[in-house]
Amino acid sequence: MASEPSEPLSDSDLLARHVAGEPDAFGELVRRHRDRLWAVALRTLGDREEAADAVQDALVSAFRAAHTFRGQSAVTTWLHRITVNACLDRVRKAATRKTSPVDDTERLEQLLEPHESAEAPAERQDLHRELLAALGTLPAEQRAALVLVDMQGYPVAEAARILDVPTGTVKSRCARGRARLAPLLVHLRSEGGEAGELSPGRNRTQRASVPPASGPSDSGTSDPAGVKGGGGHT
């Protein structure tokens, strides 16, 4: 008689096994969560190279700091916090150089998912470009909050845990970010309301929002640096 299939290990069990020296445990964590980490990084930074580097840096940090995890939050929250911090570091460094990745039209084209680039009508692609360009004008903290809440669909409380700030701070950052985006996107809402339709998940809003994201579909690797290949490098 065939044995019953075993239940998959939890994230915390995998992390504990990684700390104990099991070579493939961290790679399984990467495979489970890389898509969402990649999506957050890409929409926060607006540049595929920067996003891939940020996620790689974050996973290397998590790989090395796994022994410090105390279970006070979910493993996925811990991973997202490390990734968002890596992204914010890069946003701040870019700001000191007075550069903005969303100024490059070709790179904005690359931010569209493959199915969008190939199949979406021209006006849909134009909408995405305008939304991404507007998002890139926000301060790093507001951008990160909106990416988590309006794009990735995280509840405010979970976003607060990821960003390691009070829930009220997340709400205020989102409110300020939406207020700054509204004048830039009001014409899109008047042309059929598609901007509101692009806000997915549990936090759908009728206000100006940013486009949904999905991560890469290729398989993961036990080497945390392997995410760079999955991040869309060419």
Protein backbone atom coordinates (compact mmCIF):
# COMPACT_ATOMS: atom_id res chain seq x y z
CA MET A 1 0.00 0.00 0.00
CA ALA A 2 1.40 3.35 -1.01
CA SER A 3 2.31 5.70 1.79
CA GLU A 4 0.46 8.95 2.24
CA PRO A 5 2.31 11.98 0.80
CA SER A 6 3.93 14.03 3.51
CA GLU A 7 2.75 17.55 4.26
CA PRO A 8 5.03 20.27 2.89
CA LEU A 9 7.27 21.89 5.45
CA SER A 10 6.29 25.31 6.75
CA ASP A 11 8.43 28.35 6.01
CA SER A 12 9.66 28.43 9.59
CA ASP A 13 10.59 24.76 9.44
CA LEU A 14 12.54 25.34 6.23
CA LEU A 15 14.37 28.27 7.77
CA ALA A 16 15.20 26.21 10.85
CA ARG A 17 16.53 23.41 8.65
CA HIS A 18 18.65 25.91 6.75
CA VAL A 19 20.13 27.14 10.02
CA ALA A 20 20.79 23.52 10.97
CA GLY A 21 22.79 23.06 7.78
CA GLU A 22 20.37 21.42 5.34
CA PRO A 23 21.66 22.55 1.93
CA ASP A 24 18.37 22.72 -0.01
CA ALA A 25 16.10 24.29 2.60
CA PHE A 26 16.78 27.94 1.78
CA GLY A 27 16.43 27.26 -1.93
CA GLU A 28 12.88 26.03 -1.32
CA LEU A 29 12.10 29.28 0.52
CA VAL A 30 13.43 31.20 -2.47
CA ARG A 31 11.22 29.21 -4.84
CA ARG A 32 8.15 29.86 -2.70
CA HIS A 33 8.55 33.60 -2.29
CA ARG A 34 10.78 34.88 -5.09
CA ASP A 35 7.92 35.94 -7.37
CA ARG A 36 6.36 38.29 -4.82
CA LEU A 37 9.72 39.63 -3.68
CA TRP A 38 10.63 40.30 -7.30
CA ALA A 39 7.31 42.04 -7.99
CA VAL A 40 7.74 44.33 -4.99
CA ALA A 41 11.32 45.18 -5.94
CA LEU A 42 10.55 45.79 -9.61
CA ARG A 43 7.65 48.16 -8.98
CA THR A 44 9.46 49.94 -6.15
CA LEU A 45 12.64 50.56 -8.13
CA GLY A 46 11.26 50.76 -11.68
CA ASP A 47 14.33 49.11 -13.18
CA ARG A 48 14.93 45.41 -13.82
CA GLU A 49 18.66 45.49 -13.13
CA GLU A 50 18.24 47.41 -9.89
CA ALA A 51 15.36 45.17 -8.79
CA ALA A 52 17.31 41.99 -9.48
CA ASP A 53 20.31 43.32 -7.58
CA ALA A 54 18.13 44.39 -4.66
CA VAL A 55 16.43 40.99 -4.38
CA GLN A 56 19.78 39.24 -4.67
CA ASP A 57 21.23 41.42 -1.91
CA ALA A 58 18.17 40.79 0.25
CA LEU A 59 18.30 37.01 -0.17
CA VAL A 60 22.01 36.89 0.54
CA SER A 61 21.36 38.92 3.71
CA ALA A 62 18.52 36.60 4.70
CA PHE A 63 20.66 33.55 3.97
CA ARG A 64 23.36 34.83 6.30
CA ALA A 65 21.07 36.24 9.00
CA ALA A 66 18.66 33.30 9.22
CA HIS A 67 19.98 32.39 12.66
CA THR A 68 18.72 35.75 13.97
CA PHE A 69 15.08 35.00 13.04
CA ARG A 70 13.07 34.64 16.25
CA GLY A 71 9.62 33.91 14.87
CA GLN A 72 8.10 37.22 15.98
CA SER A 73 6.61 37.60 12.49
CA ALA A 74 5.95 35.27 9.57
CA VAL A 75 8.98 34.24 7.53
CA THR A 76 7.45 35.86 4.44
CA THR A 77 7.07 39.15 6.36
CA TRP A 78 10.71 38.93 7.41
CA LEU A 79 11.83 38.30 3.81
CA HIS A 80 9.71 41.15 2.48
CA ARG A 81 11.09 43.52 5.12
CA ILE A 82 14.66 42.71 4.11
CA THR A 83 13.78 43.13 0.42
CA VAL A 84 11.97 46.44 0.89
CA ASN A 85 14.87 47.80 2.92
CA ALA A 86 17.28 46.79 0.15
CA CYS A 87 15.05 48.58 -2.36
CA LEU A 88 14.77 51.73 -0.26
CA ASP A 89 18.54 51.86 0.10
CA ARG A 90 18.84 51.84 -3.68
CA VAL A 91 16.12 54.45 -4.14
CA ARG A 92 17.90 56.79 -1.74
CA LYS A 93 21.24 56.26 -3.46
CA ALA A 94 19.62 56.96 -6.83
CA ALA A 95 18.08 60.15 -5.45
CA THR A 96 21.48 61.45 -4.47
CA ARG A 97 22.55 61.02 -8.08
CA LYS A 98 19.47 62.96 -9.25
CA THR A 99 18.42 60.18 -11.59
CA SER A 100 15.07 58.52 -12.08
CA PRO A 101 14.67 55.12 -13.78
CA VAL A 102 11.17 55.98 -14.98
CA ASP A 103 12.51 58.67 -17.29
CA ASP A 104 13.69 56.01 -19.74
CA THR A 105 10.86 55.01 -22.09
CA GLU A 106 12.59 51.82 -23.21
CA ARG A 107 13.01 50.65 -19.63
CA LEU A 108 9.36 51.44 -18.95
CA GLU A 109 8.49 49.15 -21.84
CA GLN A 110 10.51 46.41 -20.15
CA LEU A 111 8.48 46.84 -16.96
CA LEU A 112 5.36 45.61 -18.71
CA GLU A 113 4.80 41.91 -18.24
CA PRO A 114 5.42 39.85 -21.41
CA HIS A 115 1.70 39.22 -21.97
CA GLU A 116 1.01 42.95 -21.66
CA SER A 117 3.72 43.90 -24.13
CA ALA A 118 2.58 41.33 -26.66
CA GLU A 119 -1.20 41.46 -26.37
CA ALA A 120 -2.37 44.63 -24.69
CA PRO A 121 -3.77 47.41 -26.90
CA ALA A 122 -1.62 50.49 -27.31
CA GLU A 123 -3.76 52.57 -24.98
CA ARG A 124 -3.33 49.99 -22.20
CA GLN A 125 0.45 50.17 -22.57
CA ASP A 126 0.28 53.96 -22.52
CA LEU A 127 -1.73 53.75 -19.32
CA HIS A 128 0.89 51.54 -17.70
CA ARG A 129 3.67 53.91 -18.72
CA GLU A 130 1.89 56.91 -17.26
CA LEU A 131 1.10 55.10 -14.02
CA LEU A 132 4.67 53.90 -13.58
CA ALA A 133 6.07 57.32 -14.39
CA ALA A 134 3.77 58.88 -11.79
CA LEU A 135 4.73 56.27 -9.20
CA GLY A 136 8.39 57.11 -9.77
CA THR A 137 7.81 60.69 -8.65
CA LEU A 138 6.94 59.64 -5.10
CA PRO A 139 9.35 59.61 -2.17
CA ALA A 140 10.79 56.17 -1.46
CA GLU A 141 8.72 55.50 1.68
CA GLN A 142 5.42 56.45 0.02
CA ARG A 143 6.27 54.40 -3.05
CA ALA A 144 7.06 51.32 -0.95
CA ALA A 145 3.80 51.62 0.99
CA LEU A 146 1.70 51.96 -2.17
CA VAL A 147 3.50 49.06 -3.84
CA LEU A 148 2.68 46.78 -0.91
CA VAL A 149 -0.89 47.95 -0.27
CA ASP A 150 -2.27 49.00 -3.67
CA MET A 151 -0.23 46.78 -5.98
CA GLN A 152 0.50 43.63 -4.02
CA GLY A 153 -2.75 43.66 -2.08
CA TYR A 154 -1.29 43.39 1.41
CA PRO A 155 -3.50 44.48 4.32
CA VAL A 156 -2.24 47.64 5.95
CA ALA A 157 -1.31 45.74 9.10
CA GLU A 158 0.86 43.30 7.14
CA ALA A 159 2.49 46.14 5.19
CA ALA A 160 3.26 47.81 8.50
CA ARG A 161 4.99 44.67 9.73
CA ILE A 162 7.00 44.45 6.52
CA LEU A 163 8.03 48.11 6.70
CA ASP A 164 8.50 47.90 10.48
CA VAL A 165 6.40 51.00 11.13
CA PRO A 166 3.02 51.60 12.83
CA THR A 167 -0.11 50.98 10.80
CA GLY A 168 -0.94 54.66 11.03
CA THR A 169 2.33 55.47 9.29
CA VAL A 170 1.47 53.14 6.42
CA LYS A 171 -1.99 54.71 6.10
CA SER A 172 -0.56 58.22 6.07
CA ARG A 173 2.14 57.32 3.53
CA CYS A 174 -0.47 55.75 1.27
CA ALA A 175 -2.78 58.73 1.66
CA ARG A 176 0.00 61.20 0.86
CA GLY A 177 1.15 59.09 -2.06
CA ARG A 178 -2.34 58.81 -3.51
CA ALA A 179 -2.84 62.55 -3.07
CA ARG A 180 0.36 63.22 -5.02
CA LEU A 181 -0.61 60.75 -7.72
CA ALA A 182 -4.19 62.00 -8.14
CA PRO A 183 -3.37 65.19 -10.14
CA LEU A 184 -1.10 63.16 -12.41
CA LEU A 185 -3.67 60.44 -13.06
CA VAL A 186 -7.02 62.25 -12.95
CA HIS A 187 -7.21 62.33 -16.76
CA LEU A 188 -6.85 58.55 -16.85
CA ARG A 189 -9.82 58.09 -14.52
CA SER A 190 -11.91 60.44 -16.67
CA GLU A 191 -11.10 58.34 -19.73
CA GLY A 192 -12.90 55.26 -18.47
CA GLY A 193 -11.69 54.62 -14.95
CA GLU A 194 -9.09 52.03 -15.86
CA ALA A 195 -6.66 53.32 -13.26
CA GLY A 196 -8.93 52.13 -10.49
CA GLU A 197 -9.38 48.77 -12.21
CA LEU A 198 -5.65 48.12 -12.05
CA SER A 199 -5.58 47.93 -8.25
CA PRO A 200 -5.75 44.22 -7.35
CA GLY A 201 -6.23 42.16 -4.24
CA ARG A 202 -7.80 42.95 -0.90
CA ASN A 203 -7.19 46.70 -1.00
CA ARG A 204 -8.95 47.72 -4.20
CA THR A 205 -9.59 51.44 -4.22
CA GLN A 206 -11.47 53.84 -6.45
CA ARG A 207 -8.61 56.31 -6.19
CA ALA A 208 -5.74 56.54 -8.63
CA SER A 209 -3.70 53.38 -8.31
CA VAL A 210 -0.75 51.62 -9.81
CA PRO A 211 -0.67 48.56 -12.09
CA PRO A 212 -0.63 44.99 -10.78
CA ALA A 213 2.55 42.96 -10.82
CA SER A 214 3.49 39.33 -11.19
CA GLY A 215 6.88 37.80 -10.75
CA PRO A 216 8.91 35.58 -13.07
CA SER A 217 7.65 32.07 -13.68
CA ASP A 218 10.92 30.16 -13.90
CA SER A 219 12.03 27.80 -11.15
CA GLY A 220 14.17 28.80 -8.20
CA THR A 221 17.58 27.74 -6.99
CA SER A 222 19.20 26.79 -3.73
CA ASP A 223 21.73 29.59 -4.26
CA PRO A 224 20.14 32.87 -3.10
CA ALA A 225 22.08 34.69 -5.80
CA GLY A 226 20.16 32.68 -8.39
CA VAL A 227 17.24 35.08 -8.12
CA LYS A 228 19.14 37.48 -10.35
CA GLY A 229 18.55 35.22 -13.31
CA GLY A 230 14.88 34.95 -12.41
CA GLY A 231 14.66 38.70 -12.10
CA GLY A 232 14.62 39.24 -15.82
CA HIS A 233 18.29 39.91 -16.56
CA THR A 234 19.14 39.64 -20.19
